[in-house]
Amino acid sequence: MELTPIGKEKLEIMLTRKDMERFRLTAERLDYKNTETRRAVWTILDTAKRQTGFDAAKGQIRIDALPGKGGGCVIFITKTENGGTENTMNGTKEKSFKSLYAFGSLQDMLSACRFLRERSYRGESAAFAETAKNCPNKYYLSLSEHEKNPHAVFEAMFIAEFGKKLACEHALAYIKEHSICICEKNAVKTLAKMA
């Protein structure tokens, strides 16, 4: 089991197949409503508090979980200000926001689009190209993401294999102003065909 704090508000938990067996968990049946799952999560969080200082007992948390490599699992615990513990091991929330990814090549962006299309991505998407003299071209993909999409973390990790998620909330406005729009709507569906 690997515990990695991400700032003060988030904890990444990587469980191996042996960890899953020890806690009697399976990635397909992870459900926070299940007593065994809840017990396992709180046992892991007790360990995390001792080892990393991450205290999930103070306030509310959100739990995002997805299957990992080799039969393991990746769980993200995020402290929230909402009432109650939220479970995103199953289900989604409708609230969405824009994310922006940068790519060093057109092929990398096309590969990310193909991956998202194969995962039935249906959100809004747009693509941009920035060309400057004496600088390598850069490509950008704007995505509408759902806050509680149980696959969002996995999708973001996969996209990060090809590009980089831009953190600045004003980046999209800058890109729209200083780049060429390649595909204004349905970029994922349109560009995936070219990959």
C-alpha atoms as a PDB file:
ATOM      1  CA  MET A   1       0.000   0.000   0.000  1.00  0.00           C
ATOM      2  CA  GLU A   2       1.362   3.404  -1.008  1.00  0.00           C
ATOM      3  CA  LEU A   3       0.030   6.581   0.625  1.00  0.00           C
ATOM      4  CA  THR A   4       0.780   9.914  -1.064  1.00  0.00           C
ATOM      5  CA  PRO A   5      -0.577  13.208   0.293  1.00  0.00           C
ATOM      6  CA  ILE A   6      -1.391  15.725  -2.446  1.00  0.00           C
ATOM      7  CA  GLY A   7      -1.353  19.003  -0.585  1.00  0.00           C
ATOM      8  CA  LYS A   8      -3.292  19.231   2.674  1.00  0.00           C
ATOM      9  CA  GLU A   9      -6.686  18.363   1.225  1.00  0.00           C
ATOM     10  CA  LYS A  10      -6.109  15.213  -0.845  1.00  0.00           C
ATOM     11  CA  LEU A  11      -4.621  11.744  -0.364  1.00  0.00           C
ATOM     12  CA  GLU A  12      -3.770   9.203  -3.056  1.00  0.00           C
ATOM     13  CA  ILE A  13      -3.907   5.562  -1.961  1.00  0.00           C
ATOM     14  CA  MET A  14      -2.445   2.907  -4.244  1.00  0.00           C
ATOM     15  CA  LEU A  15      -3.426  -0.633  -3.326  1.00  0.00           C
ATOM     16  CA  THR A  16      -1.790  -3.709  -4.824  1.00  0.00           C
ATOM     17  CA  ARG A  17      -3.625  -6.948  -5.512  1.00  0.00           C
ATOM     18  CA  LYS A  18      -2.308  -8.283  -2.161  1.00  0.00           C
ATOM     19  CA  ASP A  19      -3.633  -5.175  -0.371  1.00  0.00           C
ATOM     20  CA  MET A  20      -7.018  -5.712  -2.017  1.00  0.00           C
ATOM     21  CA  GLU A  21      -7.065  -9.336  -0.849  1.00  0.00           C
ATOM     22  CA  ARG A  22      -6.024  -8.319   2.686  1.00  0.00           C
ATOM     23  CA  PHE A  23      -8.890  -5.834   2.905  1.00  0.00           C
ATOM     24  CA  ARG A  24     -11.272  -8.208   1.068  1.00  0.00           C
ATOM     25  CA  LEU A  25     -11.924  -5.677  -1.678  1.00  0.00           C
ATOM     26  CA  THR A  26     -12.392  -6.029  -5.413  1.00  0.00           C
ATOM     27  CA  ALA A  27     -12.240  -3.084  -7.828  1.00  0.00           C
ATOM     28  CA  GLU A  28     -15.468  -4.180  -9.517  1.00  0.00           C
ATOM     29  CA  ARG A  29     -17.439  -4.221  -6.258  1.00  0.00           C
ATOM     30  CA  LEU A  30     -16.070  -1.138  -4.493  1.00  0.00           C
ATOM     31  CA  ASP A  31     -19.070   0.513  -2.908  1.00  0.00           C
ATOM     32  CA  TYR A  32     -18.881   2.804   0.108  1.00  0.00           C
ATOM     33  CA  LYS A  33     -22.407   1.735   1.098  1.00  0.00           C
ATOM     34  CA  ASN A  34     -20.978  -1.734   1.770  1.00  0.00           C
ATOM     35  CA  THR A  35     -19.878  -2.211   5.410  1.00  0.00           C
ATOM     36  CA  GLU A  36     -16.678  -4.114   4.507  1.00  0.00           C
ATOM     37  CA  THR A  37     -15.639  -1.405   2.057  1.00  0.00           C
ATOM     38  CA  ARG A  38     -16.295   1.325   4.636  1.00  0.00           C
ATOM     39  CA  ARG A  39     -14.333  -0.572   7.277  1.00  0.00           C
ATOM     40  CA  ALA A  40     -11.403  -1.062   4.880  1.00  0.00           C
ATOM     41  CA  VAL A  41     -11.367   2.620   3.868  1.00  0.00           C
ATOM     42  CA  TRP A  42     -11.311   3.794   7.503  1.00  0.00           C
ATOM     43  CA  THR A  43      -8.594   1.280   8.408  1.00  0.00           C
ATOM     44  CA  ILE A  44      -6.519   2.662   5.528  1.00  0.00           C
ATOM     45  CA  LEU A  45      -7.248   6.237   6.644  1.00  0.00           C
ATOM     46  CA  ASP A  46      -6.147   5.422  10.204  1.00  0.00           C
ATOM     47  CA  THR A  47      -2.858   4.135   8.772  1.00  0.00           C
ATOM     48  CA  ALA A  48      -2.570   7.269   6.608  1.00  0.00           C
ATOM     49  CA  LYS A  49      -3.040   9.506   9.623  1.00  0.00           C
ATOM     50  CA  ARG A  50      -0.231   7.735  11.513  1.00  0.00           C
ATOM     51  CA  GLN A  51       2.151   7.670   8.543  1.00  0.00           C
ATOM     52  CA  THR A  52       1.432  10.966   6.767  1.00  0.00           C
ATOM     53  CA  GLY A  53      -0.587  13.116   9.167  1.00  0.00           C
ATOM     54  CA  PHE A  54      -3.537  13.256   6.732  1.00  0.00           C
ATOM     55  CA  ASP A  55      -6.615  13.419   9.007  1.00  0.00           C
ATOM     56  CA  ALA A  56      -9.816  12.544   7.158  1.00  0.00           C
ATOM     57  CA  ALA A  57     -11.874  12.422  10.358  1.00  0.00           C
ATOM     58  CA  LYS A  58     -11.988  16.218  10.593  1.00  0.00           C
ATOM     59  CA  GLY A  59     -14.782  17.389   8.300  1.00  0.00           C
ATOM     60  CA  GLN A  60     -16.291  15.685   5.283  1.00  0.00           C
ATOM     61  CA  ILE A  61     -14.535  13.706   2.559  1.00  0.00           C
ATOM     62  CA  ARG A  62     -15.103  12.666  -1.035  1.00  0.00           C
ATOM     63  CA  ILE A  63     -13.909   9.227  -2.134  1.00  0.00           C
ATOM     64  CA  ASP A  64     -12.955   8.537  -5.764  1.00  0.00           C
ATOM     65  CA  ALA A  65     -11.827   5.029  -6.636  1.00  0.00           C
ATOM     66  CA  LEU A  66     -10.877   3.235  -9.826  1.00  0.00           C
ATOM     67  CA  PRO A  67      -9.216  -0.003 -10.811  1.00  0.00           C
ATOM     68  CA  GLY A  68      -5.420   0.067 -10.919  1.00  0.00           C
ATOM     69  CA  LYS A  69      -2.830  -2.072 -12.647  1.00  0.00           C
ATOM     70  CA  GLY A  70      -2.483  -5.795 -11.913  1.00  0.00           C
ATOM     71  CA  GLY A  71      -5.708  -6.139  -9.940  1.00  0.00           C
ATOM     72  CA  GLY A  72      -4.971  -3.242  -7.614  1.00  0.00           C
ATOM     73  CA  CYS A  73      -6.885  -0.034  -7.032  1.00  0.00           C
ATOM     74  CA  VAL A  74      -6.268   3.721  -6.794  1.00  0.00           C
ATOM     75  CA  ILE A  75      -8.333   5.653  -4.251  1.00  0.00           C
ATOM     76  CA  PHE A  76      -8.362   9.442  -3.879  1.00  0.00           C
ATOM     77  CA  ILE A  77      -9.647  10.926  -0.614  1.00  0.00           C
ATOM     78  CA  THR A  78     -10.475  14.644  -0.823  1.00  0.00           C
ATOM     79  CA  LYS A  79     -11.553  16.823   2.077  1.00  0.00           C
ATOM     80  CA  THR A  80     -14.683  18.764   1.140  1.00  0.00           C
ATOM     81  CA  GLU A  81     -16.763  21.535   2.633  1.00  0.00           C
ATOM     82  CA  ASN A  82     -20.044  19.883   1.649  1.00  0.00           C
ATOM     83  CA  GLY A  83     -22.199  18.107   4.199  1.00  0.00           C
ATOM     84  CA  GLY A  84     -21.620  14.373   4.590  1.00  0.00           C
ATOM     85  CA  THR A  85     -19.218  11.924   3.047  1.00  0.00           C
ATOM     86  CA  GLU A  86     -19.592  11.712  -0.716  1.00  0.00           C
ATOM     87  CA  ASN A  87     -19.031   8.482  -2.580  1.00  0.00           C
ATOM     88  CA  THR A  88     -17.891   8.441  -6.185  1.00  0.00           C
ATOM     89  CA  MET A  89     -17.004   4.809  -6.282  1.00  0.00           C
ATOM     90  CA  ASN A  90     -20.349   4.586  -8.102  1.00  0.00           C
ATOM     91  CA  GLY A  91     -22.371   7.374  -9.723  1.00  0.00           C
ATOM     92  CA  THR A  92     -21.748  10.862 -11.070  1.00  0.00           C
ATOM     93  CA  LYS A  93     -22.666  14.453 -10.294  1.00  0.00           C
ATOM     94  CA  GLU A  94     -23.906  16.859 -12.942  1.00  0.00           C
ATOM     95  CA  LYS A  95     -21.784  19.892 -11.987  1.00  0.00           C
ATOM     96  CA  SER A  96     -19.164  20.421 -14.692  1.00  0.00           C
ATOM     97  CA  PHE A  97     -16.165  22.649 -15.275  1.00  0.00           C
ATOM     98  CA  LYS A  98     -13.649  23.318 -18.036  1.00  0.00           C
ATOM     99  CA  SER A  99     -10.206  21.731 -18.078  1.00  0.00           C
ATOM    100  CA  LEU A 100      -7.410  22.562 -20.486  1.00  0.00           C
ATOM    101  CA  TYR A 101      -4.645  20.225 -21.638  1.00  0.00           C
ATOM    102  CA  ALA A 102      -1.508  21.202 -23.578  1.00  0.00           C
ATOM    103  CA  PHE A 103       0.245  18.872 -26.044  1.00  0.00           C
ATOM    104  CA  GLY A 104       3.659  19.100 -27.708  1.00  0.00           C
ATOM    105  CA  SER A 105       2.444  17.528 -30.947  1.00  0.00           C
ATOM    106  CA  LEU A 106      -0.740  17.194 -32.948  1.00  0.00           C
ATOM    107  CA  GLN A 107      -0.441  13.385 -32.811  1.00  0.00           C
ATOM    108  CA  ASP A 108      -0.415  13.422 -29.005  1.00  0.00           C
ATOM    109  CA  MET A 109      -3.619  15.468 -28.943  1.00  0.00           C
ATOM    110  CA  LEU A 110      -5.244  13.169 -31.514  1.00  0.00           C
ATOM    111  CA  SER A 111      -4.315  10.120 -29.403  1.00  0.00           C
ATOM    112  CA  ALA A 112      -5.915  11.689 -26.337  1.00  0.00           C
ATOM    113  CA  CYS A 113      -9.075  12.391 -28.382  1.00  0.00           C
ATOM    114  CA  ARG A 114      -9.190   8.795 -29.605  1.00  0.00           C
ATOM    115  CA  PHE A 115      -8.864   7.522 -26.011  1.00  0.00           C
ATOM    116  CA  LEU A 116     -11.699   9.784 -24.835  1.00  0.00           C
ATOM    117  CA  ARG A 117     -13.943   8.791 -27.748  1.00  0.00           C
ATOM    118  CA  GLU A 118     -13.368   5.108 -26.968  1.00  0.00           C
ATOM    119  CA  ARG A 119     -14.458   5.822 -23.382  1.00  0.00           C
ATOM    120  CA  SER A 120     -17.670   7.420 -24.752  1.00  0.00           C
ATOM    121  CA  TYR A 121     -16.743  10.979 -23.798  1.00  0.00           C
ATOM    122  CA  ARG A 122     -19.805  13.159 -24.451  1.00  0.00           C
ATOM    123  CA  GLY A 123     -18.888  16.518 -22.927  1.00  0.00           C
ATOM    124  CA  GLU A 124     -18.096  19.724 -24.767  1.00  0.00           C
ATOM    125  CA  SER A 125     -14.639  19.916 -26.312  1.00  0.00           C
ATOM    126  CA  ALA A 126     -12.614  22.320 -28.439  1.00  0.00           C
ATOM    127  CA  ALA A 127      -9.105  22.198 -29.909  1.00  0.00           C
ATOM    128  CA  PHE A 128      -6.584  24.976 -30.523  1.00  0.00           C
ATOM    129  CA  ALA A 129      -3.130  25.358 -32.094  1.00  0.00           C
ATOM    130  CA  GLU A 130      -0.498  27.899 -31.110  1.00  0.00           C
ATOM    131  CA  THR A 131       2.163  28.563 -33.700  1.00  0.00           C
ATOM    132  CA  ALA A 132       4.969  30.994 -32.992  1.00  0.00           C
ATOM    133  CA  LYS A 133       8.168  31.741 -34.873  1.00  0.00           C
ATOM    134  CA  ASN A 134      11.271  29.958 -33.539  1.00  0.00           C
ATOM    135  CA  CYS A 135       9.127  27.979 -31.056  1.00  0.00           C
ATOM    136  CA  PRO A 136       7.706  24.479 -31.335  1.00  0.00           C
ATOM    137  CA  ASN A 137       3.980  24.287 -32.045  1.00  0.00           C
ATOM    138  CA  LYS A 138       1.674  23.637 -29.127  1.00  0.00           C
ATOM    139  CA  TYR A 139      -1.802  22.167 -29.199  1.00  0.00           C
ATOM    140  CA  TYR A 140      -4.585  22.543 -26.645  1.00  0.00           C
ATOM    141  CA  LEU A 141      -7.710  20.557 -25.860  1.00  0.00           C
ATOM    142  CA  SER A 142     -10.491  22.090 -23.774  1.00  0.00           C
ATOM    143  CA  LEU A 143     -12.805  19.580 -22.077  1.00  0.00           C
ATOM    144  CA  SER A 144     -15.982  19.884 -20.060  1.00  0.00           C
ATOM    145  CA  GLU A 145     -15.472  17.581 -17.066  1.00  0.00           C
ATOM    146  CA  HIS A 146     -17.875  16.426 -14.390  1.00  0.00           C
ATOM    147  CA  GLU A 147     -16.742  16.918 -10.802  1.00  0.00           C
ATOM    148  CA  LYS A 148     -17.893  13.486  -9.653  1.00  0.00           C
ATOM    149  CA  ASN A 149     -17.238  11.427 -12.779  1.00  0.00           C
ATOM    150  CA  PRO A 150     -15.804   8.185 -11.295  1.00  0.00           C
ATOM    151  CA  HIS A 151     -13.475   7.829 -14.297  1.00  0.00           C
ATOM    152  CA  ALA A 152     -12.252  11.441 -14.408  1.00  0.00           C
ATOM    153  CA  VAL A 153      -9.095  10.765 -12.417  1.00  0.00           C
ATOM    154  CA  PHE A 154      -8.162   7.820 -14.641  1.00  0.00           C
ATOM    155  CA  GLU A 155      -8.917   9.811 -17.792  1.00  0.00           C
ATOM    156  CA  ALA A 156      -6.817  12.758 -16.568  1.00  0.00           C
ATOM    157  CA  MET A 157      -3.930  10.403 -15.719  1.00  0.00           C
ATOM    158  CA  PHE A 158      -4.111   8.868 -19.212  1.00  0.00           C
ATOM    159  CA  ILE A 159      -4.262  12.245 -20.951  1.00  0.00           C
ATOM    160  CA  ALA A 160      -1.226  13.296 -18.877  1.00  0.00           C
ATOM    161  CA  GLU A 161       0.730  10.541 -20.666  1.00  0.00           C
ATOM    162  CA  PHE A 162       0.433  12.639 -23.832  1.00  0.00           C
ATOM    163  CA  GLY A 163       0.114  16.186 -22.530  1.00  0.00           C
ATOM    164  CA  LYS A 164      -0.069  18.394 -19.475  1.00  0.00           C
ATOM    165  CA  LYS A 165      -3.108  19.679 -17.609  1.00  0.00           C
ATOM    166  CA  LEU A 166      -2.928  23.449 -17.215  1.00  0.00           C
ATOM    167  CA  ALA A 167      -3.866  24.614 -13.731  1.00  0.00           C
ATOM    168  CA  CYS A 168      -4.514  28.314 -14.332  1.00  0.00           C
ATOM    169  CA  GLU A 169      -8.222  29.087 -14.553  1.00  0.00           C
ATOM    170  CA  HIS A 170      -7.502  31.940 -16.986  1.00  0.00           C
ATOM    171  CA  ALA A 171      -5.472  29.779 -19.382  1.00  0.00           C
ATOM    172  CA  LEU A 172      -8.443  28.972 -21.633  1.00  0.00           C
ATOM    173  CA  ALA A 173      -9.225  32.667 -22.173  1.00  0.00           C
ATOM    174  CA  TYR A 174      -5.558  33.288 -23.067  1.00  0.00           C
ATOM    175  CA  ILE A 175      -5.459  30.318 -25.468  1.00  0.00           C
ATOM    176  CA  LYS A 176      -8.674  31.427 -27.190  1.00  0.00           C
ATOM    177  CA  GLU A 177      -7.184  34.875 -27.746  1.00  0.00           C
ATOM    178  CA  HIS A 178      -3.663  33.877 -28.827  1.00  0.00           C
ATOM    179  CA  SER A 179      -4.216  30.600 -30.699  1.00  0.00           C
ATOM    180  CA  ILE A 180      -5.982  29.318 -33.784  1.00  0.00           C
ATOM    181  CA  CYS A 181      -9.163  27.327 -33.161  1.00  0.00           C
ATOM    182  CA  ILE A 182      -8.825  23.996 -34.975  1.00  0.00           C
ATOM    183  CA  CYS A 183     -12.190  22.597 -33.924  1.00  0.00           C
ATOM    184  CA  GLU A 184     -14.703  24.725 -32.020  1.00  0.00           C
ATOM    185  CA  LYS A 185     -17.217  21.990 -31.109  1.00  0.00           C
ATOM    186  CA  ASN A 186     -17.088  18.213 -30.636  1.00  0.00           C
ATOM    187  CA  ALA A 187     -13.301  18.200 -31.002  1.00  0.00           C
ATOM    188  CA  VAL A 188     -12.936  14.793 -29.325  1.00  0.00           C
ATOM    189  CA  LYS A 189     -15.338  13.094 -31.755  1.00  0.00           C
ATOM    190  CA  THR A 190     -14.031  14.948 -34.816  1.00  0.00           C
ATOM    191  CA  LEU A 191     -10.287  14.658 -34.162  1.00  0.00           C
ATOM    192  CA  ALA A 192     -10.408  11.054 -32.907  1.00  0.00           C
ATOM    193  CA  LYS A 193     -11.140  10.009 -36.493  1.00  0.00           C
ATOM    194  CA  MET A 194      -7.748  11.400 -37.543  1.00  0.00           C
ATOM    195  CA  ALA A 195      -5.710   9.509 -34.928  1.00  0.00           C
END
